[in-house]
Amino acid sequence: MLGLRKKYGDARLEAACRKAISIGDPSYRTVKGILVAGTEADPEPETGDAGASSFLHGPECLFATAIPTQIPGDVREDQGHGDADAEEADR
């Protein structure tokens, strides 16, 4: 580890060690790999909504393009689904 300290400095080595510990593998190989890749620094947290509002719509838009429930000429139109009186009339 001391060789890594000389090559990368105290701050980067400390950050790499913290990251290696947080991922559950604080080995020399992992710490060195983190330093070589330059991924020891935590990424800056994103601010804002990341464009989420462009995907939000009101309930009126949810089924605006849905297929109509009855298609003209559909044979199922004449069947009284769920209507007890219509079922009695068919018998």
C-alpha atoms as a PDB file:
ATOM      1  CA  MET A   1       0.000   0.000   0.000  1.00  0.00           C
ATOM      2  CA  LEU A   2       2.873   2.365   0.664  1.00  0.00           C
ATOM      3  CA  GLY A   3       3.951   2.118  -2.965  1.00  0.00           C
ATOM      4  CA  LEU A   4       0.459   3.169  -4.031  1.00  0.00           C
ATOM      5  CA  ARG A   5       0.667   6.084  -1.602  1.00  0.00           C
ATOM      6  CA  LYS A   6       3.850   7.358  -3.248  1.00  0.00           C
ATOM      7  CA  LYS A   7       2.440   6.965  -6.753  1.00  0.00           C
ATOM      8  CA  TYR A   8      -1.118   8.266  -6.225  1.00  0.00           C
ATOM      9  CA  GLY A   9      -0.936  10.366  -3.047  1.00  0.00           C
ATOM     10  CA  ASP A  10      -2.637  10.192   0.326  1.00  0.00           C
ATOM     11  CA  ALA A  11      -6.016  11.602  -0.669  1.00  0.00           C
ATOM     12  CA  ARG A  12      -6.571   9.280  -3.635  1.00  0.00           C
ATOM     13  CA  LEU A  13      -5.364   6.236  -1.697  1.00  0.00           C
ATOM     14  CA  GLU A  14      -7.700   7.026   1.202  1.00  0.00           C
ATOM     15  CA  ALA A  15     -10.629   7.471  -1.188  1.00  0.00           C
ATOM     16  CA  ALA A  16      -9.809   4.202  -2.964  1.00  0.00           C
ATOM     17  CA  CYS A  17      -9.581   2.367   0.364  1.00  0.00           C
ATOM     18  CA  ARG A  18     -12.959   3.774   1.448  1.00  0.00           C
ATOM     19  CA  LYS A  19     -14.516   2.664  -1.819  1.00  0.00           C
ATOM     20  CA  ALA A  20     -12.971  -0.818  -1.604  1.00  0.00           C
ATOM     21  CA  ILE A  21     -14.278  -1.219   1.943  1.00  0.00           C
ATOM     22  CA  SER A  22     -17.753  -0.016   0.937  1.00  0.00           C
ATOM     23  CA  ILE A  23     -17.985  -2.630  -1.832  1.00  0.00           C
ATOM     24  CA  GLY A  24     -16.785  -5.340   0.542  1.00  0.00           C
ATOM     25  CA  ASP A  25     -13.379  -6.140  -0.995  1.00  0.00           C
ATOM     26  CA  PRO A  26     -10.591  -4.154   0.697  1.00  0.00           C
ATOM     27  CA  SER A  27      -7.761  -6.120  -0.937  1.00  0.00           C
ATOM     28  CA  TYR A  28      -4.600  -4.588  -2.413  1.00  0.00           C
ATOM     29  CA  ARG A  29      -5.661  -5.714  -5.873  1.00  0.00           C
ATOM     30  CA  THR A  30      -9.039  -3.980  -5.593  1.00  0.00           C
ATOM     31  CA  VAL A  31      -7.563  -0.747  -4.221  1.00  0.00           C
ATOM     32  CA  LYS A  32      -4.949  -0.698  -6.976  1.00  0.00           C
ATOM     33  CA  GLY A  33      -7.602  -1.368  -9.628  1.00  0.00           C
ATOM     34  CA  ILE A  34      -9.707   1.502  -8.326  1.00  0.00           C
ATOM     35  CA  LEU A  35      -6.717   3.846  -8.467  1.00  0.00           C
ATOM     36  CA  VAL A  36      -5.644   2.729 -11.950  1.00  0.00           C
ATOM     37  CA  ALA A  37      -9.191   3.195 -13.266  1.00  0.00           C
ATOM     38  CA  GLY A  38      -9.486   6.546 -11.493  1.00  0.00           C
ATOM     39  CA  THR A  39     -12.840   5.637  -9.957  1.00  0.00           C
ATOM     40  CA  GLU A  40     -11.964   6.373  -6.345  1.00  0.00           C
ATOM     41  CA  ALA A  41     -13.922   9.627  -6.263  1.00  0.00           C
ATOM     42  CA  ASP A  42     -17.634   9.375  -5.623  1.00  0.00           C
ATOM     43  CA  PRO A  43     -19.623  10.757  -8.545  1.00  0.00           C
ATOM     44  CA  GLU A  44     -21.335  14.058  -7.937  1.00  0.00           C
ATOM     45  CA  PRO A  45     -25.017  13.560  -7.137  1.00  0.00           C
ATOM     46  CA  GLU A  46     -27.268  14.636  -9.965  1.00  0.00           C
ATOM     47  CA  THR A  47     -29.400  17.648  -9.293  1.00  0.00           C
ATOM     48  CA  GLY A  48     -32.857  18.368 -10.586  1.00  0.00           C
ATOM     49  CA  ASP A  49     -35.452  15.952 -11.797  1.00  0.00           C
ATOM     50  CA  ALA A  50     -33.366  14.577 -14.699  1.00  0.00           C
ATOM     51  CA  GLY A  51     -36.138  15.336 -17.157  1.00  0.00           C
ATOM     52  CA  ALA A  52     -38.797  13.284 -15.398  1.00  0.00           C
ATOM     53  CA  SER A  53     -41.495  15.841 -16.119  1.00  0.00           C
ATOM     54  CA  SER A  54     -41.266  15.114 -19.822  1.00  0.00           C
ATOM     55  CA  PHE A  55     -42.729  11.668 -19.109  1.00  0.00           C
ATOM     56  CA  LEU A  56     -45.474  12.745 -16.729  1.00  0.00           C
ATOM     57  CA  HIS A  57     -48.980  13.147 -18.074  1.00  0.00           C
ATOM     58  CA  GLY A  58     -52.382  13.540 -16.508  1.00  0.00           C
ATOM     59  CA  PRO A  59     -54.908  10.700 -16.212  1.00  0.00           C
ATOM     60  CA  GLU A  60     -56.787  11.917 -19.298  1.00  0.00           C
ATOM     61  CA  CYS A  61     -53.762  11.006 -21.443  1.00  0.00           C
ATOM     62  CA  LEU A  62     -53.264   7.559 -19.960  1.00  0.00           C
ATOM     63  CA  PHE A  63     -55.733   5.738 -22.205  1.00  0.00           C
ATOM     64  CA  ALA A  64     -56.209   8.398 -24.878  1.00  0.00           C
ATOM     65  CA  THR A  65     -54.902   6.141 -27.639  1.00  0.00           C
ATOM     66  CA  ALA A  66     -56.386   2.874 -26.365  1.00  0.00           C
ATOM     67  CA  ILE A  67     -58.333   0.647 -28.744  1.00  0.00           C
ATOM     68  CA  PRO A  68     -62.100   1.225 -28.472  1.00  0.00           C
ATOM     69  CA  THR A  69     -63.921  -1.414 -26.445  1.00  0.00           C
ATOM     70  CA  GLN A  70     -66.493  -2.088 -29.174  1.00  0.00           C
ATOM     71  CA  ILE A  71     -65.562  -2.465 -32.809  1.00  0.00           C
ATOM     72  CA  PRO A  72     -68.357  -1.840 -35.331  1.00  0.00           C
ATOM     73  CA  GLY A  73     -69.668  -5.148 -36.655  1.00  0.00           C
ATOM     74  CA  ASP A  74     -68.224  -7.109 -33.744  1.00  0.00           C
ATOM     75  CA  VAL A  75     -70.465 -10.082 -32.956  1.00  0.00           C
ATOM     76  CA  ARG A  76     -69.859  -9.591 -29.258  1.00  0.00           C
ATOM     77  CA  GLU A  77     -71.813  -6.318 -29.291  1.00  0.00           C
ATOM     78  CA  ASP A  78     -75.129  -8.144 -29.136  1.00  0.00           C
ATOM     79  CA  GLN A  79     -74.164 -10.325 -26.197  1.00  0.00           C
ATOM     80  CA  GLY A  80     -75.209  -8.758 -22.889  1.00  0.00           C
ATOM     81  CA  HIS A  81     -72.125  -9.548 -20.878  1.00  0.00           C
ATOM     82  CA  GLY A  82     -72.899  -9.457 -17.188  1.00  0.00           C
ATOM     83  CA  ASP A  83     -76.605  -8.666 -17.711  1.00  0.00           C
ATOM     84  CA  ALA A  84     -78.714 -11.245 -15.854  1.00  0.00           C
ATOM     85  CA  ASP A  85     -81.939 -10.281 -17.719  1.00  0.00           C
ATOM     86  CA  ALA A  86     -80.268 -10.819 -21.090  1.00  0.00           C
ATOM     87  CA  GLU A  87     -79.023 -14.239 -19.991  1.00  0.00           C
ATOM     88  CA  GLU A  88     -82.548 -15.227 -18.914  1.00  0.00           C
ATOM     89  CA  ALA A  89     -83.950 -14.080 -22.256  1.00  0.00           C
ATOM     90  CA  ASP A  90     -81.472 -16.283 -24.129  1.00  0.00           C
ATOM     91  CA  ARG A  91     -82.655 -19.434 -22.309  1.00  0.00           C
END
